[in-house]
Protein backbone atom coordinates (compact mmCIF):
# COMPACT_ATOMS: atom_id res chain seq x y z
CA UNK A 1 2.46 -15.56 -6.12
CA UNK A 2 4.48 -12.40 -6.69
CA UNK A 3 6.10 -9.77 -4.49
CA UNK A 4 2.91 -7.80 -5.03
CA UNK A 5 1.21 -6.07 -2.11
CA UNK A 6 -2.24 -7.44 -2.93
CA UNK A 7 -0.82 -10.95 -3.35
CA UNK A 8 0.89 -10.71 0.04
CA UNK A 9 -2.33 -9.56 1.70
CA UNK A 10 -4.39 -12.32 0.08
CA UNK A 11 -1.88 -14.93 1.27
CA UNK A 12 -2.37 -13.60 4.81
CA UNK A 13 -6.14 -13.81 4.38
CA UNK A 14 -5.87 -17.45 3.37
CA UNK A 15 -3.72 -18.23 6.41
CA UNK A 16 -5.31 -16.01 9.06
CA UNK A 17 -8.86 -15.47 7.79
CA UNK A 18 -10.67 -15.74 11.12
CA UNK A 19 -8.24 -13.52 13.01
CA UNK A 20 -9.29 -9.98 13.76
CA UNK A 21 -7.36 -7.72 11.41
CA UNK A 22 -8.50 -4.18 12.10
CA UNK A 23 -10.27 -2.15 14.79
CA UNK A 24 -11.02 1.49 13.97
CA UNK A 25 -13.45 3.88 15.64
CA UNK A 26 -15.53 1.05 17.09
CA UNK A 27 -15.69 -0.94 13.81
CA UNK A 28 -13.94 -4.30 13.49
CA UNK A 29 -12.94 -6.50 10.59
CA UNK A 30 -11.44 -9.97 10.46
CA UNK A 31 -9.03 -10.78 7.66
CA UNK A 32 -11.81 -12.63 5.84
CA UNK A 33 -14.28 -9.76 6.25
CA UNK A 34 -11.76 -7.25 4.96
CA UNK A 35 -11.09 -9.52 1.98
CA UNK A 36 -14.74 -9.90 1.04
CA UNK A 37 -15.52 -6.18 1.28
CA UNK A 38 -12.35 -5.22 -0.62
CA UNK A 39 -13.25 -7.72 -3.35
CA UNK A 40 -16.75 -6.27 -3.62
CA UNK A 41 -15.46 -2.71 -3.83
CA UNK A 42 -12.86 -3.75 -6.40
CA UNK A 43 -15.55 -5.27 -8.61
CA UNK A 44 -17.63 -2.09 -8.27
CA UNK A 45 -14.66 0.02 -9.36
CA UNK A 46 -13.90 -2.35 -12.24
CA UNK A 47 -17.48 -1.94 -13.44
CA UNK A 48 -16.76 1.80 -13.73
CA UNK A 49 -13.84 1.07 -16.05
CA UNK A 50 -11.09 1.36 -13.43
CA UNK A 51 -8.22 -1.04 -13.98
CA UNK A 52 -4.44 -1.51 -14.10
CA UNK A 53 -2.48 1.72 -13.76
CA UNK A 54 -5.50 3.95 -13.01
CA UNK A 55 -5.14 6.35 -10.08
CA UNK A 56 -7.76 6.37 -7.31
CA UNK A 57 -7.58 9.00 -4.57
CA UNK A 58 -8.38 8.28 -0.91
CA UNK A 59 -9.44 11.42 0.98
CA UNK A 60 -10.52 10.50 4.51
CA UNK A 61 -9.58 10.12 8.15
CA UNK A 62 -8.35 6.77 9.49
CA UNK A 63 -11.16 4.25 9.09
CA UNK A 64 -11.90 0.70 7.95
CA UNK A 65 -13.14 2.21 4.67
CA UNK A 66 -9.71 3.75 4.03
CA UNK A 67 -8.07 0.33 4.31
CA UNK A 68 -10.80 -1.46 2.35
CA UNK A 69 -10.32 1.03 -0.48
CA UNK A 70 -6.54 0.55 -0.46
CA UNK A 71 -6.77 -3.22 -0.89
CA UNK A 72 -9.58 -2.95 -3.45
CA UNK A 73 -7.49 -0.66 -5.63
CA UNK A 74 -4.38 -2.85 -5.44
CA UNK A 75 -6.43 -5.94 -6.27
CA UNK A 76 -7.24 -4.29 -9.61
CA UNK A 77 -3.56 -3.43 -10.20
CA UNK A 78 -4.63 0.20 -9.98
CA UNK A 79 -2.81 2.77 -7.81
CA UNK A 80 -4.23 4.51 -4.78
CA UNK A 81 -3.24 8.10 -4.06
CA UNK A 82 -3.09 9.36 -0.46
CA UNK A 83 -4.65 12.81 0.03
CA UNK A 84 -3.86 15.08 2.96
CA UNK A 85 -7.19 15.98 4.54
CA UNK A 86 -5.80 19.29 5.77
CA UNK A 87 -5.10 20.60 2.28
CA UNK A 88 -7.01 23.68 1.16
CA UNK A 89 -8.52 24.19 -2.28
CA UNK A 90 -5.37 25.24 -4.15
CA UNK A 91 -3.37 22.31 -2.75
CA UNK A 92 -6.17 19.85 -3.53
CA UNK A 93 -6.50 21.20 -7.07
CA UNK A 94 -2.78 20.70 -7.62
CA UNK A 95 -2.75 17.18 -6.16
CA UNK A 96 -5.89 15.94 -7.95
CA UNK A 97 -4.48 17.24 -11.25
CA UNK A 98 -0.85 16.22 -10.75
CA UNK A 99 -1.87 12.70 -9.71
CA UNK A 100 -4.17 12.19 -12.75
CA UNK A 101 -7.03 10.90 -10.62
CA UNK A 102 -9.80 9.02 -12.43
CA UNK A 103 -11.71 8.10 -9.27
CA UNK A 104 -11.96 9.37 -5.70
CA UNK A 105 -13.13 7.76 -2.48
CA UNK A 106 -13.75 10.50 0.07
CA UNK A 107 -15.29 11.11 3.43
CA UNK A 108 -18.60 12.99 3.32
CA UNK A 109 -17.18 15.77 5.51
CA UNK A 110 -15.04 16.78 2.52
CA UNK A 111 -17.93 16.89 0.03
CA UNK A 112 -17.87 20.73 -0.20
CA UNK A 113 -14.17 20.66 -1.15
CA UNK A 114 -14.73 17.96 -3.76
CA UNK A 115 -17.80 19.68 -5.22
CA UNK A 116 -15.92 22.98 -5.56
CA UNK A 117 -13.28 21.36 -7.77
CA UNK A 118 -15.31 18.98 -9.92
CA UNK A 119 -15.77 21.43 -12.78
CA UNK A 120 -11.97 21.66 -13.19
CA UNK A 121 -11.33 17.90 -13.17
CA UNK A 122 -12.73 16.40 -16.39
CA UNK A 123 -10.74 13.17 -15.96
CA UNK A 124 -12.22 12.44 -12.52
CA UNK A 125 -15.04 10.18 -13.67
CA UNK A 126 -16.19 8.34 -10.54
CA UNK A 127 -16.83 9.37 -6.91
CA UNK A 128 -17.53 7.18 -3.88
CA UNK A 129 -18.59 8.91 -0.64
CA UNK A 130 -18.12 7.49 2.86
CA UNK A 131 -21.08 8.44 5.05
CA UNK A 132 -19.66 9.82 8.32
CA UNK A 133 -22.79 11.29 9.89
CA UNK A 134 -21.81 14.82 8.88
CA UNK A 135 -24.89 15.23 6.69
CA UNK A 136 -22.75 16.66 3.89
CA UNK A 137 -24.19 14.22 1.34
CA UNK A 138 -22.87 13.34 -2.11
CA UNK A 139 -20.87 15.83 -4.22
CA UNK A 140 -22.70 15.03 -7.47
CA UNK A 141 -25.68 13.14 -8.84
CA UNK A 142 -23.42 10.40 -10.16
CA UNK A 143 -21.53 9.88 -6.89
CA UNK A 144 -22.17 6.59 -5.06
CA UNK A 145 -22.46 5.91 -1.33
CA UNK A 146 -19.59 3.70 -0.11
CA UNK A 147 -21.81 0.98 1.34
CA UNK A 148 -23.90 0.90 -1.84
CA UNK A 149 -20.68 0.53 -3.85
CA UNK A 150 -19.57 -2.41 -1.68
CA UNK A 151 -22.99 -4.07 -1.87
CA UNK A 152 -23.05 -3.81 -5.65
CA UNK A 153 -19.85 -5.80 -6.20
CA UNK A 154 -19.20 -9.53 -6.21
CA UNK A 155 -17.19 -11.10 -3.33
CA UNK A 156 -15.13 -13.32 -5.67
CA UNK A 157 -11.36 -13.11 -5.82
CA UNK A 158 -10.95 -13.38 -9.57
CA UNK A 159 -8.65 -10.55 -10.55
CA UNK A 160 -5.97 -12.34 -12.53
CA UNK A 161 -2.22 -12.43 -12.19
CA UNK A 162 -0.40 -9.39 -10.79
CA UNK A 163 3.23 -8.26 -10.88
CA UNK A 164 5.97 -7.00 -8.60
CA UNK A 165 6.26 -4.18 -11.14
CA UNK A 166 2.81 -2.80 -10.22
CA UNK A 167 3.05 0.70 -8.81
CA UNK A 168 2.52 2.22 -5.38
CA UNK A 169 2.63 6.03 -5.16
CA UNK A 170 3.14 7.92 -1.92
CA UNK A 171 2.51 11.65 -2.03
CA UNK A 172 4.70 13.47 0.43
CA UNK A 173 4.33 17.11 1.43
CA UNK A 174 7.93 17.68 2.47
CA UNK A 175 8.90 21.03 3.96
CA UNK A 176 8.78 23.21 0.84
CA UNK A 177 6.72 23.41 -2.33
CA UNK A 178 3.73 21.39 -3.46
CA UNK A 179 3.36 17.66 -2.67
CA UNK A 180 5.37 15.17 -4.71
CA UNK A 181 4.33 11.65 -5.64
CA UNK A 182 7.06 9.08 -4.98
CA UNK A 183 6.63 6.19 -7.42
CA UNK A 184 7.64 2.74 -6.19
CA UNK A 185 7.45 -0.74 -7.69
CA UNK A 186 5.59 -3.08 -5.32
CA UNK A 187 8.59 -5.38 -5.00
CA UNK A 188 10.99 -2.54 -4.18
CA UNK A 189 8.75 -0.89 -1.62
CA UNK A 190 8.09 -4.24 0.04
CA UNK A 191 11.81 -4.57 0.70
CA UNK A 192 12.25 -0.93 1.68
CA UNK A 193 9.20 -0.53 3.94
CA UNK A 194 7.04 -3.65 4.02
CA UNK A 195 9.13 -6.09 6.03
CA UNK A 196 11.07 -7.62 3.16
CA UNK A 197 14.34 -6.88 4.97
CA UNK A 198 14.72 -7.79 8.63
CA UNK A 199 15.95 -4.56 10.21
CA UNK A 200 17.72 -6.40 13.04
CA UNK A 201 19.60 -9.02 11.01
CA UNK A 202 19.66 -7.21 7.63
CA UNK A 203 18.50 -10.42 5.91
CA UNK A 204 16.13 -10.43 2.95
CA UNK A 205 12.97 -12.42 2.37
CA UNK A 206 13.61 -14.77 -0.57
CA UNK A 207 10.05 -15.97 -1.26
CA UNK A 208 6.72 -14.13 -0.85
CA UNK A 209 5.36 -17.11 1.13
CA UNK A 210 7.92 -16.45 3.88
CA UNK A 211 5.79 -13.62 5.31
CA UNK A 212 2.97 -15.99 6.28
CA UNK A 213 5.57 -18.43 7.61
CA UNK A 214 6.93 -15.62 9.81
CA UNK A 215 3.43 -14.96 11.11
CA UNK A 216 2.99 -18.62 12.03
CA UNK A 217 6.40 -19.00 13.67
CA UNK A 218 6.58 -19.40 17.42
CA UNK A 219 3.00 -20.51 17.70
CA UNK A 220 1.65 -17.65 15.61
CA UNK A 221 1.04 -15.23 18.47
CA UNK A 222 -0.71 -12.12 17.13
CA UNK A 223 0.91 -8.76 17.87
CA UNK A 224 -1.41 -5.77 18.37
CA UNK A 225 -0.07 -2.61 16.74
CA UNK A 226 -1.37 0.95 17.17
CA UNK A 227 0.02 3.50 14.68
CA UNK A 228 -1.24 6.95 15.71
CA UNK A 229 -0.51 9.03 12.61
CA UNK A 230 -3.03 9.37 9.76
CA UNK A 231 -3.13 6.80 6.97
CA UNK A 232 -2.47 9.60 4.51
CA UNK A 233 1.17 9.37 5.71
CA UNK A 234 3.50 6.53 4.79
CA UNK A 235 4.38 5.41 8.31
CA UNK A 236 0.82 4.32 9.13
CA UNK A 237 0.20 2.92 5.66
CA UNK A 238 3.14 0.60 6.17
CA UNK A 239 2.12 -0.30 9.70
CA UNK A 240 -1.22 -1.47 8.29
CA UNK A 241 0.20 -3.26 5.26
CA UNK A 242 3.40 -4.67 6.72
CA UNK A 243 1.72 -6.01 9.85
CA UNK A 244 -1.04 -7.60 7.78
CA UNK A 245 1.43 -9.73 5.81
CA UNK A 246 2.31 -11.63 9.02
CA UNK A 247 -1.22 -11.83 10.45
CA UNK A 248 -1.03 -9.19 13.15
CA UNK A 249 -3.84 -6.92 14.38
CA UNK A 250 -4.02 -3.17 13.79
CA UNK A 251 -5.83 -0.59 15.92
CA UNK A 252 -6.53 2.83 14.34
CA UNK A 253 -7.86 6.13 15.65
CA UNK A 254 -9.36 8.96 13.59
CA UNK A 255 -7.66 11.82 15.41
CA UNK A 256 -4.77 12.02 17.85
CA UNK A 257 -5.81 12.42 21.48
CA UNK A 258 -3.31 11.28 24.14
CA UNK A 259 -5.88 9.94 26.58
CA UNK A 260 -7.68 8.08 23.79
CA UNK A 261 -4.35 6.46 22.85
CA UNK A 262 -3.85 5.17 26.38
CA UNK A 263 -7.48 4.04 26.57
CA UNK A 264 -6.97 2.01 23.39
CA UNK A 265 -3.71 0.52 24.69
CA UNK A 266 -5.62 -0.53 27.82
CA UNK A 267 -8.78 -1.87 26.17
CA UNK A 268 -7.27 -3.41 23.02
CA UNK A 269 -4.18 -4.90 24.67
CA UNK A 270 -1.83 -2.98 22.38
CA UNK A 271 1.73 -4.35 22.29
CA UNK A 272 3.45 -1.80 20.07
CA UNK A 273 2.74 1.90 19.68
CA UNK A 274 3.97 3.95 16.69
CA UNK A 275 4.42 7.70 17.17
CA UNK A 276 6.08 10.56 15.30
CA UNK A 277 8.65 11.86 17.74
CA UNK A 278 8.16 14.49 20.40
CA UNK A 279 5.06 15.98 18.80
CA UNK A 280 3.10 12.92 19.88
CA UNK A 281 5.45 11.51 22.49
CA UNK A 282 5.48 14.55 24.75
CA UNK A 283 1.69 14.95 25.16
CA UNK A 284 1.40 11.18 25.57
CA UNK A 285 3.74 10.93 28.54
CA UNK A 286 2.40 14.13 30.09
CA UNK A 287 -1.15 12.73 29.90
CA UNK A 288 -0.05 9.93 32.22
CA UNK A 289 0.58 12.56 34.93
CA UNK A 290 -2.88 14.12 34.55
CA UNK A 291 -5.20 13.80 37.56
CA UNK A 292 -7.27 10.64 37.30
CA UNK A 293 -5.13 9.05 34.58
CA UNK A 294 -5.29 5.34 35.35
CA UNK A 295 -4.65 2.87 32.55
CA UNK A 296 -3.53 -0.74 32.43
CA UNK A 297 -0.53 -0.53 30.12
CA UNK A 298 0.98 -3.89 30.97
CA UNK A 299 0.45 -5.18 27.42
CA UNK A 300 2.70 -2.49 25.91
CA UNK A 301 6.30 -3.50 25.33
CA UNK A 302 7.44 -1.32 22.41
CA UNK A 303 7.25 2.30 21.29
CA UNK A 304 8.39 2.98 17.72
CA UNK A 305 9.13 6.49 16.47
CA UNK A 306 9.77 7.62 12.92
CA UNK A 307 9.54 10.69 10.68
CA UNK A 308 10.27 13.27 13.41
CA UNK A 309 12.72 14.08 16.19
CA UNK A 310 12.30 11.95 19.35
CA UNK A 311 14.42 13.67 21.98
CA UNK A 312 16.23 12.08 24.92
CA UNK A 313 14.21 13.97 27.61
CA UNK A 314 10.93 12.65 26.20
CA UNK A 315 12.34 9.14 25.92
CA UNK A 316 13.40 9.37 29.56
CA UNK A 317 9.82 10.28 30.50
CA UNK A 318 8.54 7.19 28.70
CA UNK A 319 10.97 5.03 30.63
CA UNK A 320 9.95 6.72 33.90
CA UNK A 321 6.36 5.63 33.34
CA UNK A 322 7.07 2.41 31.44
CA UNK A 323 10.50 1.14 32.54
CA UNK A 324 10.22 -2.23 30.77
CA UNK A 325 9.47 -1.03 27.25
CA UNK A 326 11.89 -0.87 24.33
CA UNK A 327 12.02 2.30 22.22
CA UNK A 328 12.89 2.13 18.55
CA UNK A 329 14.12 5.20 16.69
CA UNK A 330 13.83 4.72 12.93
CA UNK A 331 15.40 6.95 10.28
CA UNK A 332 14.10 7.08 6.74
CA UNK A 333 11.94 8.91 4.24
CA UNK A 334 9.19 8.43 1.66
CA UNK A 335 11.89 8.27 -1.02
CA UNK A 336 14.36 5.94 0.66
CA UNK A 337 12.42 3.70 3.00
CA UNK A 338 14.13 2.60 6.20
CA UNK A 339 17.76 3.76 6.38
CA UNK A 340 18.49 2.54 9.89
CA UNK A 341 17.24 2.13 13.42
CA UNK A 342 18.25 2.02 17.05
CA UNK A 343 16.58 0.03 19.81
CA UNK A 344 16.95 1.52 23.27
CA UNK A 345 16.13 0.35 26.76
CA UNK A 346 16.01 2.22 30.05
CA UNK A 347 19.23 4.16 30.84
CA UNK A 348 20.33 3.85 27.23
CA UNK A 349 18.98 7.02 25.62
CA UNK A 350 22.20 8.88 24.85
CA UNK A 351 21.81 11.19 21.88
CA UNK A 352 24.22 13.31 19.98
CA UNK A 353 22.88 16.14 17.81
CA UNK A 354 20.16 13.83 16.49
CA UNK A 355 19.12 10.16 16.55
CA UNK A 356 22.04 7.77 16.06
CA UNK A 357 21.09 4.52 14.33
CA UNK A 358 22.67 1.39 12.94
CA UNK A 359 22.36 1.50 9.16
CA UNK A 360 20.83 -1.04 6.82
CA UNK A 361 23.14 -2.53 4.20
CA UNK A 362 22.01 -0.38 1.28
CA UNK A 363 22.57 2.96 3.05
CA UNK A 364 25.58 5.24 2.62
CA UNK A 365 26.44 8.84 3.53
CA UNK A 366 28.04 10.85 0.72
CA UNK A 367 30.15 13.98 1.14
CA UNK A 368 29.83 16.96 -1.22
CA UNK A 369 32.06 15.20 -3.76
CA UNK A 370 29.83 12.08 -3.72
CA UNK A 371 32.41 10.05 -1.83
CA UNK A 372 31.44 7.93 1.20
CA UNK A 373 32.02 9.81 4.45
CA UNK A 374 34.81 8.31 6.54
CA UNK A 375 33.58 7.01 9.92
CA UNK A 376 34.54 9.28 12.80
CA UNK A 377 35.73 12.09 10.53
CA UNK A 378 33.03 14.53 11.64
CA UNK A 379 32.22 15.29 8.00
CA UNK A 380 28.62 16.23 7.33
CA UNK A 381 27.17 14.42 4.33
CA UNK A 382 23.85 13.38 2.83
CA UNK A 383 22.16 10.01 3.33
CA UNK A 384 21.75 7.97 0.14
CA UNK A 385 20.34 4.53 -0.58
CA UNK A 386 20.77 2.10 -3.47
CA UNK A 387 19.06 -1.14 -4.43
CA UNK A 388 15.35 -1.18 -3.59
CA UNK A 389 14.56 2.46 -4.38
CA UNK A 390 11.73 4.28 -6.18
CA UNK A 391 11.34 4.83 -9.90
CA UNK A 392 11.21 8.60 -9.31
CA UNK A 393 8.67 11.37 -8.74
CA UNK A 394 5.38 11.24 -10.62
CA UNK A 395 5.06 13.90 -13.33
CA UNK A 396 8.27 15.61 -12.14
CA UNK A 397 11.33 14.72 -14.24
CA UNK A 398 13.29 17.73 -12.97
CA UNK A 399 12.99 16.77 -9.30
CA UNK A 400 13.62 13.13 -10.20
CA UNK A 401 16.93 14.09 -11.82
CA UNK A 402 17.92 16.09 -8.73
CA UNK A 403 17.20 13.39 -6.15
CA UNK A 404 17.93 10.16 -8.05
CA UNK A 405 21.60 10.14 -8.99
CA UNK A 406 24.12 7.69 -10.43
CA UNK A 407 27.55 7.29 -8.80
CA UNK A 408 30.12 4.92 -10.36
CA UNK A 409 27.38 3.12 -12.26
CA UNK A 410 25.06 2.61 -9.25
CA UNK A 411 21.73 4.43 -8.97
CA UNK A 412 21.02 6.11 -5.61
CA UNK A 413 18.22 8.14 -4.07
CA UNK A 414 19.47 11.11 -2.03
CA UNK A 415 16.48 13.11 -0.70
CA UNK A 416 18.51 15.68 1.25
CA UNK A 417 18.83 14.36 4.82
CA UNK A 418 22.16 15.40 6.35
CA UNK A 419 24.08 13.10 8.68
CA UNK A 420 27.48 12.27 10.12
CA UNK A 421 29.07 8.81 10.41
CA UNK A 422 30.25 7.65 13.82
CA UNK A 423 33.42 5.63 14.51
CA UNK A 424 31.44 2.37 14.57
CA UNK A 425 29.68 3.10 11.26
CA UNK A 426 26.39 4.22 12.79
CA UNK A 427 24.86 7.40 11.39
CA UNK A 428 23.63 10.44 13.31
CA UNK A 429 20.81 12.23 11.54
CA UNK A 430 21.07 16.03 11.53
CA UNK A 431 18.06 17.05 9.48
CA UNK A 432 16.75 18.02 6.06
CA UNK A 433 18.83 20.53 4.15
CA UNK A 434 15.80 22.45 2.89
CA UNK A 435 15.26 23.89 6.38
CA UNK A 436 18.90 24.17 7.39
CA UNK A 437 19.81 27.60 8.81
CA UNK A 438 22.90 29.29 7.35
CA UNK A 439 24.25 31.81 9.85
CA UNK A 440 27.50 33.40 8.77
CA UNK A 441 28.44 30.26 6.86
CA UNK A 442 27.66 27.90 9.76
CA UNK A 443 25.06 25.21 9.05
CA UNK A 444 22.56 24.84 11.89
CA UNK A 445 19.98 22.05 11.77
CA UNK A 446 16.65 23.05 13.36
CA UNK A 447 15.93 19.57 14.77
CA UNK A 448 18.98 19.73 17.03
CA UNK A 449 18.05 23.15 18.42
CA UNK A 450 14.39 22.16 18.78
CA UNK A 451 15.38 19.24 20.98
CA UNK A 452 17.32 21.57 23.28
CA UNK A 453 14.54 24.18 23.42
CA UNK A 454 11.79 21.63 24.09
CA UNK A 455 13.68 20.24 27.07
CA UNK A 456 13.27 23.58 28.90
CA UNK A 457 10.73 23.11 31.74
CA UNK A 458 8.64 26.12 30.64
CA UNK A 459 8.31 24.94 27.02
CA UNK A 460 5.61 22.57 25.83
CA UNK A 461 6.49 22.59 22.13
CA UNK A 462 8.84 24.44 19.78
CA UNK A 463 9.87 24.95 16.15
CA UNK A 464 13.14 26.57 15.11
CA UNK A 465 13.70 28.41 11.81
CA UNK A 466 16.08 30.96 10.33
CA UNK A 467 15.18 34.65 10.61
CA UNK A 468 16.73 37.30 8.32
CA UNK A 469 19.83 38.94 9.76
CA UNK A 470 21.64 41.83 8.06
CA UNK A 471 25.03 40.79 9.38
CA UNK A 472 24.95 36.99 9.36
CA UNK A 473 22.34 36.31 6.68
CA UNK A 474 20.21 34.30 9.08
CA UNK A 475 19.92 33.93 12.85
CA UNK A 476 18.26 31.18 14.87
CA UNK A 477 14.67 31.98 15.83
CA UNK A 478 12.63 29.83 18.22
CA UNK A 479 8.83 29.72 18.19
CA UNK A 480 7.58 28.18 21.41
CA UNK A 481 4.27 27.18 22.92
CA UNK A 482 4.63 27.49 26.71
CA UNK A 483 3.27 25.14 29.32
CA UNK A 484 0.13 26.34 31.06
CA UNK A 485 0.90 29.21 33.40
CA UNK A 486 4.54 29.49 32.29
CA UNK A 487 6.23 32.47 30.62
CA UNK A 488 9.50 31.39 29.01
CA UNK A 489 12.02 34.14 28.26
CA UNK A 490 14.67 34.20 25.59
CA UNK A 491 17.44 34.63 28.15
CA UNK A 492 16.27 31.61 30.15
CA UNK A 493 16.01 29.48 27.01
CA UNK A 494 19.47 30.58 25.89
CA UNK A 495 21.02 29.68 29.25
CA UNK A 496 19.32 26.29 29.13
CA UNK A 497 20.35 25.55 25.53
CA UNK A 498 24.00 26.38 26.14
CA UNK A 499 24.27 23.31 28.35
CA UNK A 500 23.57 20.99 25.40
CA UNK A 501 24.42 22.73 22.10
CA UNK A 502 27.17 25.03 20.84
CA UNK A 503 26.75 28.73 21.41
CA UNK A 504 26.31 29.64 17.73
CA UNK A 505 23.26 27.36 17.58
CA UNK A 506 21.48 29.01 20.53
CA UNK A 507 18.29 30.95 19.60
CA UNK A 508 18.74 34.71 19.20
CA UNK A 509 15.06 35.44 18.72
CA UNK A 510 11.93 34.24 20.50
CA UNK A 511 8.29 34.14 19.49
CA UNK A 512 5.69 32.85 21.95
CA UNK A 513 2.49 31.40 20.46
CA UNK A 514 -0.50 29.51 21.79
CA UNK A 515 -0.07 26.44 19.60
CA UNK A 516 2.65 25.13 17.30
CA UNK A 517 1.29 24.24 13.86
CA UNK A 518 2.16 20.74 12.72
CA UNK A 519 1.02 18.32 10.06
CA UNK A 520 -1.44 15.61 11.17
CA UNK A 521 1.51 13.21 11.43
CA UNK A 522 3.27 15.54 13.86
CA UNK A 523 5.90 16.90 11.48
CA UNK A 524 6.84 20.57 12.01
CA UNK A 525 5.18 23.03 9.64
CA UNK A 526 8.22 25.12 8.74
CA UNK A 527 6.30 27.20 6.20
CA UNK A 528 3.91 28.28 8.94
CA UNK A 529 6.86 29.01 11.23
CA UNK A 530 8.53 31.19 8.61
CA UNK A 531 5.27 33.12 8.32
CA UNK A 532 5.26 33.72 12.07
CA UNK A 533 8.80 35.09 11.85
CA UNK A 534 7.89 37.34 8.91
CA UNK A 535 4.82 38.64 10.72
CA UNK A 536 6.64 39.59 13.93
CA UNK A 537 9.82 41.41 12.91
CA UNK A 538 10.13 43.15 16.27
CA UNK A 539 10.23 39.99 18.35
CA UNK A 540 12.70 39.79 21.24
CA UNK A 541 16.29 39.52 20.04
CA UNK A 542 19.10 39.02 22.56
CA UNK A 543 22.85 38.61 21.91
CA UNK A 544 22.29 39.34 18.23
CA UNK A 545 25.89 40.46 17.71
CA UNK A 546 27.47 37.18 18.78
CA UNK A 547 29.43 35.71 15.88
CA UNK A 548 27.78 32.50 14.56
CA UNK A 549 31.01 30.57 14.96
CA UNK A 550 31.63 31.70 18.52
CA UNK A 551 30.72 29.50 21.47
CA UNK A 552 29.00 32.32 23.33
């Protein structure tokens, strides 16, 4: 047995076969059922000539078929490629081509998009379509219905020896440019994201068999985990894979709806809920105050947040409704894995400018001269990680050279997340440099300002970006979606923000919109926000002459 993701899953199947593994949209699979169907699909794909190293796209909402496809592909030592279902034709064309897809498993709803591109994709030789009741049908005469594909394959597990060097690729949209494929070895990504390092004790798994042993420890009680974000994003992929290695149960939902989340927590006995910061957290806690909201949430003891800002006011609301839960704030990225985490209980939600977490052993913060930042110095640096890190970006040697660097003979990945180091060695995340606002030479991180703006009682959601300014280069612009019946003003938001952030960070421009655009995982869409700013040059602007460095 290797540190290979398919090997780790099959070991869990052998140990926990009769346990329920997955519940998604009313469909359930035990570990053994998932294994048999994944084996059948793998044999079907192999019959089409798909094998080690081939790239197979998955283009669908959260479903059992998504997960079955993932395991089938890994069983063949092939590589599955996650596809953002919100992409439009140009983005899909780029991704399908950049990723060198030879096969695609897609939901029928997306048949028109697939059909429109087929003539430009000569290497895409096999299509499997998941019937979703949309009536969209198959994109070509040679395409195969998903259930027919499964039925045509053998259930045997006879795929030969695999390797920890097999590849896993995670395409990440980031905040600028086209999506990039982060290439990982299975063994490295297992340690970075799959549970190979205990985040609390910083100890490493020494043998692949230890994961099943962990699942059997303490009587083998099965934890029920509900990750809300789409499987096309890494956080939910690793909830599904990492939890499976220790025999736990996963609950999935196709689309985010706060009341549906609480219904699933109630009915499925969910123990741990994974969200992406305020974008999901805020509507979730507010749903509990809606008339008629009545859910049994006694099974829930943990809320985990990653990939987006989770502000103190929203955490406080969770504790108001659920005083006995623990909240985990995790910091990381598709390129680095988990850099650190903080576990908070009630009355312990203090935040600085961003989440402050205890770091894992392979994480460091470098200053601009690539020297480790001194704890407590206040120096802003960039988070870097060494050890279990990716190979690089797929088909992008230039970006690989920018992000994967060597310092004193050690190779690091440094994606661009800025942070400071506290006196005790913990790190406080500030944000991604690609969206940092430069106002008169002052660096302003949108996430910090967004947290302050969102805590205003009239604001439901907000994104902060830089707007052009003749004097300072850029000024802080806030785009807000108000609460129903509220009319937030720039002056009121400025007064509120000054109580929690420095004056030069306070918004100088306000745009009020009906809805804030976000990715399906809840991440802010900064490109959309910049378009809003560009389209409304005459938006309200107050105190525009205040010097960026002044605490006005």
